[in-house]
Protein backbone atom coordinates (compact mmCIF):
# COMPACT_ATOMS: atom_id res chain seq x y z
CA UNK A 1 116.47 105.39 76.49
CA UNK A 2 117.73 101.90 75.75
CA UNK A 3 118.64 101.05 79.40
CA UNK A 4 115.00 101.58 80.41
CA UNK A 5 113.75 99.53 77.46
CA UNK A 6 116.25 96.76 78.20
CA UNK A 7 115.15 96.47 81.85
CA UNK A 8 111.46 96.58 80.97
CA UNK A 9 112.00 93.96 78.26
CA UNK A 10 113.53 91.56 80.77
CA UNK A 11 110.44 91.86 82.95
CA UNK A 12 108.14 91.59 79.91
CA UNK A 13 109.72 88.30 78.86
CA UNK A 14 109.43 86.92 82.40
CA UNK A 15 105.82 88.15 82.69
CA UNK A 16 104.82 86.64 79.34
CA UNK A 17 106.45 83.26 79.89
CA UNK A 18 106.23 82.94 83.67
CA UNK A 19 102.48 82.82 84.03
CA UNK A 20 101.10 81.91 87.43
CA UNK A 21 104.16 79.84 88.39
CA UNK A 22 106.03 80.99 91.47
CA UNK A 23 109.31 82.64 90.38
CA UNK A 24 112.53 80.75 91.01
CA UNK A 25 114.10 82.25 94.12
CA UNK A 26 117.52 82.82 92.56
CA UNK A 27 116.14 84.63 89.51
CA UNK A 28 113.65 86.57 91.63
CA UNK A 29 116.39 87.73 94.01
CA UNK A 30 118.82 88.49 91.17
CA UNK A 31 116.25 90.71 89.46
CA UNK A 32 115.65 92.58 92.71
CA UNK A 33 119.37 93.25 93.05
CA UNK A 34 119.67 94.28 89.38
CA UNK A 35 116.80 96.76 89.57
CA UNK A 36 118.02 98.13 92.90
CA UNK A 37 121.39 98.91 91.33
CA UNK A 38 119.73 100.29 88.19
CA UNK A 39 117.50 102.69 90.13
CA UNK A 40 119.51 103.20 93.32
CA UNK A 41 122.83 104.13 91.73
CA UNK A 42 121.37 106.42 89.08
CA UNK A 43 123.27 109.61 88.33
CA UNK A 44 121.51 112.88 87.46
CA UNK A 45 118.26 111.06 86.78
CA UNK A 46 114.92 112.44 87.91
CA UNK A 47 113.39 115.89 88.28
CA UNK A 48 114.28 116.04 91.99
CA UNK A 49 117.99 115.25 91.62
CA UNK A 50 119.22 118.77 92.41
CA UNK A 51 116.64 119.21 95.18
CA UNK A 52 118.00 116.18 97.01
CA UNK A 53 121.56 117.42 96.54
CA UNK A 54 120.52 120.63 98.27
CA UNK A 55 118.84 118.64 101.03
CA UNK A 56 121.89 116.48 101.74
CA UNK A 57 124.08 119.59 101.71
CA UNK A 58 121.76 121.11 104.31
CA UNK A 59 121.82 117.88 106.31
CA UNK A 60 125.62 117.91 106.34
CA UNK A 61 125.49 121.25 108.17
CA UNK A 62 123.21 120.11 110.99
CA UNK A 63 124.87 120.77 114.34
CA UNK A 64 122.08 119.67 116.67
CA UNK A 65 119.35 117.03 116.64
CA UNK A 66 116.52 119.56 116.94
CA UNK A 67 117.43 120.95 113.52
CA UNK A 68 116.71 117.66 111.75
CA UNK A 69 113.15 118.70 110.94
CA UNK A 70 114.40 121.80 109.13
CA UNK A 71 115.79 119.52 106.44
CA UNK A 72 113.02 117.01 105.78
CA UNK A 73 110.82 114.44 107.48
CA UNK A 74 112.78 113.12 110.48
CA UNK A 75 113.73 109.64 109.28
CA UNK A 76 114.67 110.82 105.81
CA UNK A 77 116.72 113.66 107.31
CA UNK A 78 118.60 111.11 109.41
CA UNK A 79 119.14 109.01 106.29
CA UNK A 80 120.63 112.09 104.60
CA UNK A 81 122.93 112.66 107.57
CA UNK A 82 124.03 109.03 107.38
CA UNK A 83 124.59 109.29 103.63
CA UNK A 84 126.82 112.31 104.15
CA UNK A 85 128.70 110.49 106.93
CA UNK A 86 129.44 107.49 104.69
CA UNK A 87 131.19 109.74 102.17
CA UNK A 88 128.99 108.43 99.33
CA UNK A 89 126.45 111.20 99.68
CA UNK A 90 123.18 110.99 97.79
CA UNK A 91 124.18 107.70 96.15
CA UNK A 92 124.17 105.92 99.53
CA UNK A 93 120.80 107.48 100.37
CA UNK A 94 119.28 106.56 97.01
CA UNK A 95 120.57 102.99 97.22
CA UNK A 96 119.03 102.37 100.66
CA UNK A 97 115.76 104.05 99.67
CA UNK A 98 115.56 102.01 96.47
CA UNK A 99 116.33 98.74 98.25
CA UNK A 100 113.46 99.34 100.68
CA UNK A 101 111.19 100.30 97.80
CA UNK A 102 111.90 97.12 95.84
CA UNK A 103 111.75 94.88 98.90
CA UNK A 104 108.23 96.15 99.51
CA UNK A 105 107.23 95.86 95.86
CA UNK A 106 108.66 92.32 95.50
CA UNK A 107 107.07 91.22 98.77
CA UNK A 108 103.65 92.32 97.54
CA UNK A 109 104.16 91.09 93.97
CA UNK A 110 105.03 87.59 95.14
CA UNK A 111 101.58 87.30 96.70
CA UNK A 112 99.74 88.26 93.51
CA UNK A 113 98.32 85.69 91.04
CA UNK A 114 101.19 86.31 88.57
CA UNK A 115 104.25 87.87 90.29
CA UNK A 116 106.22 88.76 87.15
CA UNK A 117 103.18 90.42 85.61
CA UNK A 118 102.80 92.40 88.84
CA UNK A 119 106.36 93.72 88.48
CA UNK A 120 105.61 94.51 84.83
CA UNK A 121 102.54 96.52 85.87
CA UNK A 122 104.68 98.55 88.27
CA UNK A 123 107.52 99.24 85.85
CA UNK A 124 106.24 102.05 83.55
CA UNK A 125 105.46 104.60 86.27
CA UNK A 126 105.87 103.24 89.80
CA UNK A 127 109.47 102.22 89.07
CA UNK A 128 110.57 104.37 86.12
CA UNK A 129 108.96 107.63 87.22
CA UNK A 130 108.34 107.45 90.98
CA UNK A 131 111.30 105.45 92.26
CA UNK A 132 113.66 107.29 89.89
CA UNK A 133 112.75 110.72 91.21
CA UNK A 134 110.43 111.00 94.23
CA UNK A 135 112.93 109.49 96.64
CA UNK A 136 111.17 110.16 99.94
CA UNK A 137 107.71 109.18 98.77
CA UNK A 138 108.99 106.11 96.93
CA UNK A 139 110.63 104.95 100.15
CA UNK A 140 107.41 105.56 102.10
CA UNK A 141 105.42 103.74 99.40
CA UNK A 142 107.81 100.79 99.60
CA UNK A 143 107.17 100.46 103.33
CA UNK A 144 103.41 100.78 102.85
CA UNK A 145 103.18 98.21 100.06
CA UNK A 146 105.12 95.80 102.28
CA UNK A 147 102.61 96.60 105.02
CA UNK A 148 99.75 95.84 102.61
CA UNK A 149 101.27 92.43 101.88
CA UNK A 150 101.12 91.57 105.62
CA UNK A 151 98.07 93.69 106.46
CA UNK A 152 95.85 90.89 107.70
CA UNK A 153 98.63 89.30 109.72
CA UNK A 154 99.17 92.44 111.80
CA UNK A 155 97.27 93.97 114.67
CA UNK A 156 95.85 97.49 114.47
CA UNK A 157 98.67 98.77 116.67
CA UNK A 158 101.35 97.30 114.38
CA UNK A 159 99.66 98.74 111.30
CA UNK A 160 99.68 102.20 112.89
CA UNK A 161 103.32 101.85 113.90
CA UNK A 162 104.42 100.95 110.36
CA UNK A 163 102.38 103.80 108.89
CA UNK A 164 104.20 106.20 111.21
CA UNK A 165 107.52 104.69 110.15
CA UNK A 166 106.59 105.37 106.51
CA UNK A 167 105.46 108.87 107.48
CA UNK A 168 108.92 109.42 108.93
CA UNK A 169 110.12 109.50 105.33
CA UNK A 170 107.11 111.29 103.78
CA UNK A 171 104.26 112.61 105.92
CA UNK A 172 101.69 111.92 103.20
CA UNK A 173 101.86 108.24 104.27
CA UNK A 174 99.58 109.21 107.16
CA UNK A 175 96.73 108.84 104.64
CA UNK A 176 96.82 105.12 105.36
CA UNK A 177 95.52 105.77 108.88
CA UNK A 178 92.11 106.09 107.22
CA UNK A 179 92.30 102.46 106.07
CA UNK A 180 93.25 101.36 109.57
CA UNK A 181 90.20 103.13 110.98
CA UNK A 182 87.83 101.84 108.33
CA UNK A 183 89.08 98.25 108.61
CA UNK A 184 88.46 98.13 112.36
CA UNK A 185 85.68 95.66 113.19
CA UNK A 186 83.61 97.99 115.32
CA UNK A 187 80.31 99.83 115.11
CA UNK A 188 80.04 102.51 112.44
CA UNK A 189 79.75 105.42 114.89
CA UNK A 190 82.86 104.26 116.75
CA UNK A 191 84.62 103.82 113.41
CA UNK A 192 83.79 107.42 112.47
CA UNK A 193 85.18 108.61 115.79
CA UNK A 194 88.34 106.56 115.22
CA UNK A 195 88.77 108.06 111.76
CA UNK A 196 88.34 111.54 113.21
CA UNK A 197 90.97 110.82 115.85
CA UNK A 198 93.40 109.52 113.22
CA UNK A 199 92.75 112.60 111.07
CA UNK A 200 93.30 114.93 114.02
CA UNK A 201 96.50 113.07 114.89
CA UNK A 202 97.77 113.41 111.32
CA UNK A 203 97.01 117.16 111.28
CA UNK A 204 98.72 117.58 114.63
CA UNK A 205 101.88 115.86 113.38
CA UNK A 206 101.94 118.05 110.27
CA UNK A 207 101.33 121.24 112.22
CA UNK A 208 103.79 120.49 115.02
CA UNK A 209 106.59 119.65 112.60
CA UNK A 210 105.97 122.65 110.35
CA UNK A 211 105.28 120.39 107.36
CA UNK A 212 101.64 121.49 106.93
CA UNK A 213 102.66 124.80 105.34
CA UNK A 214 105.17 123.02 103.11
CA UNK A 215 102.62 120.54 101.76
CA UNK A 216 100.03 123.26 101.28
CA UNK A 217 102.51 125.39 99.36
CA UNK A 218 103.82 122.49 97.27
CA UNK A 219 100.64 120.57 96.55
CA UNK A 220 97.67 122.71 97.56
CA UNK A 221 96.82 126.41 97.68
CA UNK A 222 100.35 127.37 96.77
CA UNK A 223 99.92 125.85 93.32
CA UNK A 224 99.97 128.25 90.38
CA UNK A 225 99.28 127.72 86.70
CA UNK A 226 102.99 127.20 86.18
CA UNK A 227 103.33 124.57 88.87
CA UNK A 228 100.22 122.53 88.12
CA UNK A 229 100.97 118.96 87.07
CA UNK A 230 99.87 118.69 83.44
CA UNK A 231 100.25 114.91 83.48
CA UNK A 232 98.25 114.33 86.65
CA UNK A 233 95.22 113.00 84.73
CA UNK A 234 97.39 110.25 83.29
CA UNK A 235 99.14 109.46 86.58
CA UNK A 236 95.87 109.21 88.47
CA UNK A 237 94.17 107.23 85.69
CA UNK A 238 96.85 104.52 85.82
CA UNK A 239 95.29 103.34 89.08
CA UNK A 240 91.75 104.71 88.70
CA UNK A 241 91.00 102.90 85.43
CA UNK A 242 91.90 99.39 86.72
CA UNK A 243 89.93 100.29 89.87
CA UNK A 244 86.84 100.81 87.70
CA UNK A 245 86.88 97.09 86.90
CA UNK A 246 85.25 96.68 90.31
CA UNK A 247 82.07 98.09 88.74
CA UNK A 248 82.67 97.04 85.13
CA UNK A 249 83.45 93.40 85.88
CA UNK A 250 81.39 92.53 88.99
CA UNK A 251 81.56 88.82 88.15
CA UNK A 252 85.32 88.82 88.75
CA UNK A 253 85.54 91.01 91.85
CA UNK A 254 86.79 88.15 93.98
CA UNK A 255 89.73 87.67 91.60
CA UNK A 256 90.61 91.29 90.86
CA UNK A 257 89.85 92.69 94.34
CA UNK A 258 90.21 89.74 96.71
CA UNK A 259 90.08 91.60 100.02
CA UNK A 260 88.43 94.64 101.56
CA UNK A 261 91.66 96.67 101.71
CA UNK A 262 92.18 96.47 97.94
CA UNK A 263 88.54 97.37 97.43
CA UNK A 264 88.89 100.43 99.67
CA UNK A 265 92.04 101.46 97.80
CA UNK A 266 90.19 101.05 94.50
CA UNK A 267 87.47 103.41 95.73
CA UNK A 268 90.18 105.85 96.85
CA UNK A 269 91.84 105.65 93.43
CA UNK A 270 88.56 106.50 91.71
CA UNK A 271 87.83 109.30 94.18
CA UNK A 272 91.22 110.86 93.44
CA UNK A 273 90.21 111.59 89.82
CA UNK A 274 88.06 114.67 90.60
CA UNK A 275 90.86 116.05 92.78
CA UNK A 276 92.97 116.59 89.65
CA UNK A 277 90.78 119.51 88.64
CA UNK A 278 91.33 121.20 92.00
CA UNK A 279 94.93 120.37 92.92
CA UNK A 280 96.62 118.34 90.21
CA UNK A 281 99.98 117.97 91.93
CA UNK A 282 98.39 116.76 95.16
CA UNK A 283 96.24 114.28 93.21
CA UNK A 284 99.27 112.94 91.36
CA UNK A 285 101.21 112.51 94.59
CA UNK A 286 98.32 110.85 96.43
CA UNK A 287 97.76 108.43 93.55
CA UNK A 288 101.23 106.97 94.12
CA UNK A 289 99.81 105.15 97.13
CA UNK A 290 97.11 103.41 95.07
CA UNK A 291 99.56 101.42 92.92
CA UNK A 292 98.80 98.15 94.75
CA UNK A 293 95.41 98.30 93.00
CA UNK A 294 96.76 98.39 89.44
CA UNK A 295 99.57 95.97 90.31
CA UNK A 296 97.14 93.36 91.64
CA UNK A 297 94.45 93.91 88.99
CA UNK A 298 96.81 93.49 86.04
CA UNK A 299 98.54 90.50 87.63
CA UNK A 300 95.14 88.84 88.10
CA UNK A 301 93.63 89.92 84.78
CA UNK A 302 94.72 86.83 82.77
CA UNK A 303 92.90 84.64 85.30
CA UNK A 304 89.52 85.81 84.06
CA UNK A 305 90.24 84.33 80.62
CA UNK A 306 90.45 80.71 79.54
CA UNK A 307 93.87 79.05 80.06
CA UNK A 308 94.32 78.93 76.31
CA UNK A 309 93.99 82.72 75.97
CA UNK A 310 96.14 83.71 78.94
CA UNK A 311 99.55 83.78 77.18
CA UNK A 312 98.17 86.28 74.66
CA UNK A 313 96.64 88.40 77.44
CA UNK A 314 99.97 88.44 79.31
CA UNK A 315 101.81 89.47 76.15
CA UNK A 316 99.33 92.25 75.44
CA UNK A 317 99.55 93.63 78.99
CA UNK A 318 103.36 93.51 78.89
CA UNK A 319 103.45 95.23 75.51
CA UNK A 320 101.04 97.91 76.71
CA UNK A 321 103.16 98.58 79.80
CA UNK A 322 106.34 98.89 77.74
CA UNK A 323 104.56 101.21 75.32
CA UNK A 324 103.38 103.39 78.21
CA UNK A 325 106.92 103.71 79.51
CA UNK A 326 108.38 104.56 76.11
CA UNK A 327 105.59 107.07 75.48
CA UNK A 328 106.33 108.78 78.78
CA UNK A 329 110.07 108.90 78.09
CA UNK A 330 109.46 110.38 74.65
CA UNK A 331 106.72 112.89 75.33
CA UNK A 332 106.31 113.70 79.05
CA UNK A 333 107.24 117.21 80.12
CA UNK A 334 109.60 115.92 82.81
CA UNK A 335 111.09 112.97 80.92
CA UNK A 336 114.14 115.00 79.88
CA UNK A 337 115.38 114.62 83.45
CA UNK A 338 115.56 110.84 82.94
CA UNK A 339 117.60 110.99 79.77
CA UNK A 340 120.29 110.09 79.15
CA UNK A 341 120.37 107.40 81.83
CA UNK A 342 123.65 107.28 83.75
CA UNK A 343 124.84 104.99 86.54
CA UNK A 344 127.43 105.82 89.18
CA UNK A 345 129.17 102.47 88.65
CA UNK A 346 130.27 103.55 85.19
CA UNK A 347 131.50 107.05 86.05
CA UNK A 348 134.83 108.40 87.23
CA UNK A 349 135.04 109.62 90.81
CA UNK A 350 135.32 113.28 89.73
CA UNK A 351 132.01 112.99 87.84
CA UNK A 352 130.00 111.98 90.90
CA UNK A 353 127.90 114.47 92.81
CA UNK A 354 129.21 113.96 96.31
CA UNK A 355 127.87 116.96 98.17
CA UNK A 356 126.06 119.96 96.77
CA UNK A 357 126.47 120.73 93.07
CA UNK A 358 124.78 124.03 92.06
């Protein structure tokens, strides 16, 4: 467990001492590279490790372009084909996916009131759990959080294009089309029509690619008592509880939720809570897209206190995040797949999983 604790401790120190100062570019970039190597070159870490080995083995057998969709979402399938072509297999795929994930996270974090605290808020689950296992969705989330950072600089058309790029790695990213529709400055009845069109388009994409049945089986009606996510309440609460500050701390809404997109995402995070009782796995997966809420809220939280109290608040938030990560690694049902941590850089060639390993 110590590699996880060591990495989180580095961020905790930076978050506690950095405050609202803009991070030095060299240190900021160096940390991005360090975490990309730490996550991207992991070996046998994450519940989905063997699943992705099977997927890249299947991708290596593709003999025509029209069979790409039988492997995964189109862009991720192509990434798997490329990874197999490089000879580095799943390690090449993971490294690229992780780099995109962290580039999006760091882009967004740098815009927050306290960038290092934003990274600290992401570390316990968004980095340690999501990026270490849910490769496709982490990649899609990285693209989307980058999109959120530039949301108000982009036209509606560009927002839609980037959402479809993210959906090329995990179709669940199409959820963000709802935010595009709701953010459009048009009459309410036209907005409702736009949302309906976006929803119909998302359903069409899922149906035409055959992914609708897969998602229903994996996250919806196909769920059984054995496959329900027992930790979904915790995963969803990580974003839903900070989102509740919108109602609990109305005086500080402009600091904790500075724009309409974050407010909409906060409402979505809260609305995801009841879904846990119906489809826990789906709720847990959907909640991954609401992390910008908790990242921003916790990075801004010290600002609602007096300057004299802020160092203590930063330290308490950092300590709480580290404790959450350690608690998950010690007690979560799926944490055994993260331990012991191994990195491809420190293994012999014969130990690497290049290709399918049953």
